């Protein structure tokens, strides 16, 4: 996949299953297969990528151009 296809998610708000508020995607590590989401109070969680998006655990609030 091209670099631009992955990076449109970085910096976007995302709703996470079983979490109260929204988070922001900070980075995507393709080698390890992880996407990192930053929540309030500077708590960062890692989720499997792209499985978390495909299974609906992460729901990006993106209007892709």
PDB file of N, CA and C in Angstrom:
ATOM      1  N   UNK A   1       0.829  -1.176   0.000  1.00  0.00           N
ATOM      2  CA  UNK A   1       0.000   0.000   0.000  1.00  0.00           C
ATOM      3  C   UNK A   1       0.880   1.249   0.000  1.00  0.00           C
ATOM      4  N   UNK A   2       0.454   2.252  -0.677  1.00  0.00           N
ATOM      5  CA  UNK A   2       1.236   3.480  -0.768  1.00  0.00           C
ATOM      6  C   UNK A   2       1.213   4.239   0.557  1.00  0.00           C
ATOM      7  N   UNK A   3       2.228   5.020   0.792  1.00  0.00           N
ATOM      8  CA  UNK A   3       2.353   5.804   2.017  1.00  0.00           C
ATOM      9  C   UNK A   3       1.151   6.710   2.228  1.00  0.00           C
ATOM     10  N   UNK A   4       0.665   7.365   1.194  1.00  0.00           N
ATOM     11  CA  UNK A   4      -0.449   8.309   1.332  1.00  0.00           C
ATOM     12  C   UNK A   4      -1.742   7.597   1.718  1.00  0.00           C
ATOM     13  N   UNK A   5      -1.903   6.341   1.365  1.00  0.00           N
ATOM     14  CA  UNK A   5      -3.104   5.593   1.724  1.00  0.00           C
ATOM     15  C   UNK A   5      -3.170   5.310   3.220  1.00  0.00           C
ATOM     16  N   UNK A   6      -2.036   5.221   3.887  1.00  0.00           N
ATOM     17  CA  UNK A   6      -1.990   4.946   5.322  1.00  0.00           C
ATOM     18  C   UNK A   6      -2.070   6.218   6.152  1.00  0.00           C
ATOM     19  N   UNK A   7      -1.467   7.287   5.693  1.00  0.00           N
ATOM     20  CA  UNK A   7      -1.287   8.455   6.544  1.00  0.00           C
ATOM     21  C   UNK A   7      -2.511   9.346   6.658  1.00  0.00           C
ATOM     22  N   UNK A   8      -3.553   9.133   5.880  1.00  0.00           N
ATOM     23  CA  UNK A   8      -4.713  10.001   6.016  1.00  0.00           C
ATOM     24  C   UNK A   8      -5.402   9.805   7.364  1.00  0.00           C
ATOM     25  N   UNK A   9      -5.156   8.707   8.056  1.00  0.00           N
ATOM     26  CA  UNK A   9      -5.753   8.456   9.366  1.00  0.00           C
ATOM     27  C   UNK A   9      -5.047   9.186  10.500  1.00  0.00           C
ATOM     28  N   UNK A  10      -3.781   9.507  10.334  1.00  0.00           N
ATOM     29  CA  UNK A  10      -3.012  10.129  11.405  1.00  0.00           C
ATOM     30  C   UNK A  10      -3.560  11.520  11.686  1.00  0.00           C
ATOM     31  N   UNK A  11      -3.845  11.763  12.968  1.00  0.00           N
ATOM     32  CA  UNK A  11      -4.380  13.049  13.405  1.00  0.00           C
ATOM     33  C   UNK A  11      -5.897  13.110  13.386  1.00  0.00           C
ATOM     34  N   UNK A  12      -6.557  12.023  13.003  1.00  0.00           N
ATOM     35  CA  UNK A  12      -8.018  12.014  12.932  1.00  0.00           C
ATOM     36  C   UNK A  12      -8.624  11.501  14.234  1.00  0.00           C
ATOM     37  N   UNK A  13      -9.812  12.038  14.575  1.00  0.00           N
ATOM     38  CA  UNK A  13     -10.549  11.554  15.734  1.00  0.00           C
ATOM     39  C   UNK A  13     -11.074  10.162  15.449  1.00  0.00           C
ATOM     40  N   UNK A  14     -11.111   9.349  16.507  1.00  0.00           N
ATOM     41  CA  UNK A  14     -11.573   7.986  16.355  1.00  0.00           C
ATOM     42  C   UNK A  14     -12.384   7.607  17.600  1.00  0.00           C
ATOM     43  N   UNK A  15     -13.492   6.923  17.378  1.00  0.00           N
ATOM     44  CA  UNK A  15     -14.295   6.386  18.469  1.00  0.00           C
ATOM     45  C   UNK A  15     -13.842   4.960  18.700  1.00  0.00           C
ATOM     46  N   UNK A  16     -13.540   4.636  19.968  1.00  0.00           N
ATOM     47  CA  UNK A  16     -13.025   3.316  20.317  1.00  0.00           C
ATOM     48  C   UNK A  16     -14.091   2.566  21.111  1.00  0.00           C
ATOM     49  N   UNK A  17     -14.292   1.319  20.736  1.00  0.00           N
ATOM     50  CA  UNK A  17     -15.252   0.462  21.427  1.00  0.00           C
ATOM     51  C   UNK A  17     -14.874   0.344  22.903  1.00  0.00           C
ATOM     52  N   UNK A  18     -15.849   0.439  23.796  1.00  0.00           N
ATOM     53  CA  UNK A  18     -15.683   0.334  25.253  1.00  0.00           C
ATOM     54  C   UNK A  18     -14.895   1.493  25.859  1.00  0.00           C
ATOM     55  N   UNK A  19     -14.858   2.639  25.205  1.00  0.00           N
ATOM     56  CA  UNK A  19     -14.228   3.842  25.753  1.00  0.00           C
ATOM     57  C   UNK A  19     -15.266   4.950  25.785  1.00  0.00           C
ATOM     58  N   UNK A  20     -15.177   5.825  26.784  1.00  0.00           N
ATOM     59  CA  UNK A  20     -16.146   6.910  26.925  1.00  0.00           C
ATOM     60  C   UNK A  20     -16.051   7.937  25.801  1.00  0.00           C
ATOM     61  N   UNK A  21     -14.903   8.554  25.685  1.00  0.00           N
ATOM     62  CA  UNK A  21     -14.739   9.646  24.739  1.00  0.00           C
ATOM     63  C   UNK A  21     -14.037   9.228  23.464  1.00  0.00           C
ATOM     64  N   UNK A  22     -13.597  10.250  22.764  1.00  0.00           N
ATOM     65  CA  UNK A  22     -12.871  10.048  21.514  1.00  0.00           C
ATOM     66  C   UNK A  22     -11.372  10.013  21.778  1.00  0.00           C
ATOM     67  N   UNK A  23     -10.652   9.445  20.829  1.00  0.00           N
ATOM     68  CA  UNK A  23      -9.208   9.461  20.841  1.00  0.00           C
ATOM     69  C   UNK A  23      -8.703  10.015  19.521  1.00  0.00           C
ATOM     70  N   UNK A  24      -7.393  10.183  19.409  1.00  0.00           N
ATOM     71  CA  UNK A  24      -6.766  10.676  18.187  1.00  0.00           C
ATOM     72  C   UNK A  24      -5.672   9.697  17.787  1.00  0.00           C
ATOM     73  N   UNK A  25      -5.676   9.308  16.522  1.00  0.00           N
ATOM     74  CA  UNK A  25      -4.637   8.412  16.015  1.00  0.00           C
ATOM     75  C   UNK A  25      -3.344   9.199  15.891  1.00  0.00           C
ATOM     76  N   UNK A  26      -2.307   8.738  16.596  1.00  0.00           N
ATOM     77  CA  UNK A  26      -1.039   9.458  16.593  1.00  0.00           C
ATOM     78  C   UNK A  26      -0.032   8.890  15.610  1.00  0.00           C
ATOM     79  N   UNK A  27      -0.027   7.559  15.440  1.00  0.00           N
ATOM     80  CA  UNK A  27       0.938   6.957  14.518  1.00  0.00           C
ATOM     81  C   UNK A  27       0.482   5.566  14.128  1.00  0.00           C
ATOM     82  N   UNK A  28       1.019   5.102  13.024  1.00  0.00           N
ATOM     83  CA  UNK A  28       0.745   3.757  12.528  1.00  0.00           C
ATOM     84  C   UNK A  28       2.090   3.074  12.307  1.00  0.00           C
ATOM     85  N   UNK A  29       2.297   1.950  12.980  1.00  0.00           N
ATOM     86  CA  UNK A  29       3.533   1.178  12.849  1.00  0.00           C
ATOM     87  C   UNK A  29       3.231  -0.045  11.988  1.00  0.00           C
ATOM     88  N   UNK A  30       3.572   0.037  10.709  1.00  0.00           N
ATOM     89  CA  UNK A  30       3.264  -1.038   9.772  1.00  0.00           C
ATOM     90  C   UNK A  30       4.102  -2.290  10.020  1.00  0.00           C
ATOM     91  N   UNK A  31       5.339  -2.130  10.494  1.00  0.00           N
ATOM     92  CA  UNK A  31       6.208  -3.284  10.738  1.00  0.00           C
ATOM     93  C   UNK A  31       5.658  -4.175  11.845  1.00  0.00           C
ATOM     94  N   UNK A  32       5.138  -3.556  12.898  1.00  0.00           N
ATOM     95  CA  UNK A  32       4.585  -4.317  14.024  1.00  0.00           C
ATOM     96  C   UNK A  32       3.089  -4.555  13.881  1.00  0.00           C
ATOM     97  N   UNK A  33       2.444  -3.869  12.968  1.00  0.00           N
ATOM     98  CA  UNK A  33       1.012  -4.021  12.765  1.00  0.00           C
ATOM     99  C   UNK A  33       0.189  -3.391  13.865  1.00  0.00           C
ATOM    100  N   UNK A  34       0.578  -2.175  14.286  1.00  0.00           N
ATOM    101  CA  UNK A  34      -0.111  -1.487  15.371  1.00  0.00           C
ATOM    102  C   UNK A  34      -0.522  -0.081  14.963  1.00  0.00           C
ATOM    103  N   UNK A  35      -1.637   0.373  15.526  1.00  0.00           N
ATOM    104  CA  UNK A  35      -2.066   1.759  15.394  1.00  0.00           C
ATOM    105  C   UNK A  35      -2.187   2.297  16.818  1.00  0.00           C
ATOM    106  N   UNK A  36      -1.650   3.490  17.061  1.00  0.00           N
ATOM    107  CA  UNK A  36      -1.626   4.075  18.399  1.00  0.00           C
ATOM    108  C   UNK A  36      -2.669   5.173  18.495  1.00  0.00           C
ATOM    109  N   UNK A  37      -3.462   5.126  19.584  1.00  0.00           N
ATOM    110  CA  UNK A  37      -4.528   6.095  19.811  1.00  0.00           C
ATOM    111  C   UNK A  37      -4.243   6.810  21.128  1.00  0.00           C
ATOM    112  N   UNK A  38      -4.286   8.141  21.090  1.00  0.00           N
ATOM    113  CA  UNK A  38      -4.037   8.975  22.257  1.00  0.00           C
ATOM    114  C   UNK A  38      -5.368   9.470  22.803  1.00  0.00           C
ATOM    115  N   UNK A  39      -5.582   9.252  24.111  1.00  0.00           N
ATOM    116  CA  UNK A  39      -6.802   9.675  24.785  1.00  0.00           C
ATOM    117  C   UNK A  39      -6.497  10.858  25.695  1.00  0.00           C
ATOM    118  N   UNK A  40      -7.536  11.359  26.351  1.00  0.00           N
ATOM    119  CA  UNK A  40      -7.356  12.443  27.317  1.00  0.00           C
ATOM    120  C   UNK A  40      -6.379  12.008  28.389  1.00  0.00           C
ATOM    121  N   UNK A  41      -5.770  12.970  29.020  1.00  0.00           N
ATOM    122  CA  UNK A  41      -4.777  12.746  30.080  1.00  0.00           C
ATOM    123  C   UNK A  41      -3.555  11.991  29.573  1.00  0.00           C
ATOM    124  N   UNK A  42      -3.292  12.126  28.278  1.00  0.00           N
ATOM    125  CA  UNK A  42      -2.078  11.606  27.649  1.00  0.00           C
ATOM    126  C   UNK A  42      -1.918  10.092  27.782  1.00  0.00           C
ATOM    127  N   UNK A  43      -3.005   9.355  27.748  1.00  0.00           N
ATOM    128  CA  UNK A  43      -2.963   7.894  27.777  1.00  0.00           C
ATOM    129  C   UNK A  43      -2.969   7.399  26.342  1.00  0.00           C
ATOM    130  N   UNK A  44      -1.964   6.591  26.002  1.00  0.00           N
ATOM    131  CA  UNK A  44      -1.855   6.076  24.641  1.00  0.00           C
ATOM    132  C   UNK A  44      -2.016   4.560  24.656  1.00  0.00           C
ATOM    133  N   UNK A  45      -2.859   4.061  23.760  1.00  0.00           N
ATOM    134  CA  UNK A  45      -3.121   2.635  23.650  1.00  0.00           C
ATOM    135  C   UNK A  45      -2.763   2.166  22.245  1.00  0.00           C
ATOM    136  N   UNK A  46      -2.316   0.928  22.136  1.00  0.00           N
ATOM    137  CA  UNK A  46      -1.990   0.333  20.839  1.00  0.00           C
ATOM    138  C   UNK A  46      -3.054  -0.695  20.478  1.00  0.00           C
ATOM    139  N   UNK A  47      -3.451  -0.705  19.221  1.00  0.00           N
ATOM    140  CA  UNK A  47      -4.440  -1.649  18.701  1.00  0.00           C
ATOM    141  C   UNK A  47      -3.876  -2.299  17.446  1.00  0.00           C
ATOM    142  N   UNK A  48      -4.290  -3.534  17.160  1.00  0.00           N
ATOM    143  CA  UNK A  48      -3.785  -4.209  15.948  1.00  0.00           C
ATOM    144  C   UNK A  48      -4.286  -3.504  14.690  1.00  0.00           C
ATOM    145  N   UNK A  49      -3.385  -3.339  13.725  1.00  0.00           N
ATOM    146  CA  UNK A  49      -3.722  -2.653  12.478  1.00  0.00           C
ATOM    147  C   UNK A  49      -3.525  -3.605  11.317  1.00  0.00           C
ATOM    148  N   UNK A  50      -4.420  -3.736  10.420  1.00  0.00           N
ATOM    149  CA  UNK A  50      -5.700  -3.052  10.202  1.00  0.00           C
ATOM    150  C   UNK A  50      -6.900  -3.764  10.800  1.00  0.00           C
ATOM    151  N   UNK A  51      -6.676  -4.843  11.579  1.00  0.00           N
ATOM    152  CA  UNK A  51      -7.788  -5.634  12.112  1.00  0.00           C
ATOM    153  C   UNK A  51      -8.748  -4.808  12.961  1.00  0.00           C
ATOM    154  N   UNK A  52      -8.236  -3.876  13.771  1.00  0.00           N
ATOM    155  CA  UNK A  52      -9.087  -3.084  14.661  1.00  0.00           C
ATOM    156  C   UNK A  52     -10.069  -2.215  13.872  1.00  0.00           C
ATOM    157  N   UNK A  53      -9.663  -1.706  12.733  1.00  0.00           N
ATOM    158  CA  UNK A  53     -10.546  -0.879  11.914  1.00  0.00           C
ATOM    159  C   UNK A  53     -11.548  -1.756  11.168  1.00  0.00           C
ATOM    160  N   UNK A  54     -11.084  -2.877  10.646  1.00  0.00           N
ATOM    161  CA  UNK A  54     -11.959  -3.785   9.898  1.00  0.00           C
ATOM    162  C   UNK A  54     -13.028  -4.408  10.780  1.00  0.00           C
ATOM    163  N   UNK A  55     -12.705  -4.707  12.043  1.00  0.00           N
ATOM    164  CA  UNK A  55     -13.650  -5.343  12.954  1.00  0.00           C
ATOM    165  C   UNK A  55     -14.542  -4.345  13.676  1.00  0.00           C
ATOM    166  N   UNK A  56     -14.307  -3.057  13.489  1.00  0.00           N
ATOM    167  CA  UNK A  56     -15.155  -2.040  14.098  1.00  0.00           C
ATOM    168  C   UNK A  56     -14.760  -1.638  15.503  1.00  0.00           C
ATOM    169  N   UNK A  57     -13.599  -2.076  15.977  1.00  0.00           N
ATOM    170  CA  UNK A  57     -13.122  -1.655  17.295  1.00  0.00           C
ATOM    171  C   UNK A  57     -12.783  -0.171  17.254  1.00  0.00           C
ATOM    172  N   UNK A  58     -12.150   0.266  16.181  1.00  0.00           N
ATOM    173  CA  UNK A  58     -11.862   1.685  15.940  1.00  0.00           C
ATOM    174  C   UNK A  58     -12.773   2.178  14.829  1.00  0.00           C
ATOM    175  N   UNK A  59     -13.447   3.291  15.076  1.00  0.00           N
ATOM    176  CA  UNK A  59     -14.333   3.872  14.071  1.00  0.00           C
ATOM    177  C   UNK A  59     -13.881   5.301  13.781  1.00  0.00           C
ATOM    178  N   UNK A  60     -13.075   5.491  12.736  1.00  0.00           N
ATOM    179  CA  UNK A  60     -12.573   6.836  12.408  1.00  0.00           C
ATOM    180  C   UNK A  60     -13.699   7.787  11.998  1.00  0.00           C
ATOM    181  N   UNK A  61     -13.544   9.047  12.401  1.00  0.00           N
ATOM    182  CA  UNK A  61     -14.480  10.113  12.034  1.00  0.00           C
ATOM    183  C   UNK A  61     -13.870  10.879  10.857  1.00  0.00           C
ATOM    184  N   UNK A  62     -13.695  10.200   9.719  1.00  0.00           N
ATOM    185  CA  UNK A  62     -12.949  10.740   8.585  1.00  0.00           C
ATOM    186  C   UNK A  62     -13.876  10.918   7.382  1.00  0.00           C
ATOM    187  N   UNK A  63     -13.715  12.056   6.706  1.00  0.00           N
ATOM    188  CA  UNK A  63     -14.310  12.213   5.393  1.00  0.00           C
ATOM    189  C   UNK A  63     -13.151  12.186   4.409  1.00  0.00           C
ATOM    190  N   UNK A  64     -12.807  10.997   3.909  1.00  0.00           N
ATOM    191  CA  UNK A  64     -11.657  10.835   3.026  1.00  0.00           C
ATOM    192  C   UNK A  64     -11.903  11.574   1.729  1.00  0.00           C
ATOM    193  N   UNK A  65     -10.881  12.325   1.289  1.00  0.00           N
ATOM    194  CA  UNK A  65     -10.974  13.097   0.055  1.00  0.00           C
ATOM    195  C   UNK A  65     -10.519  12.289  -1.121  1.00  0.00           C
TER     196      UNK A  65
END
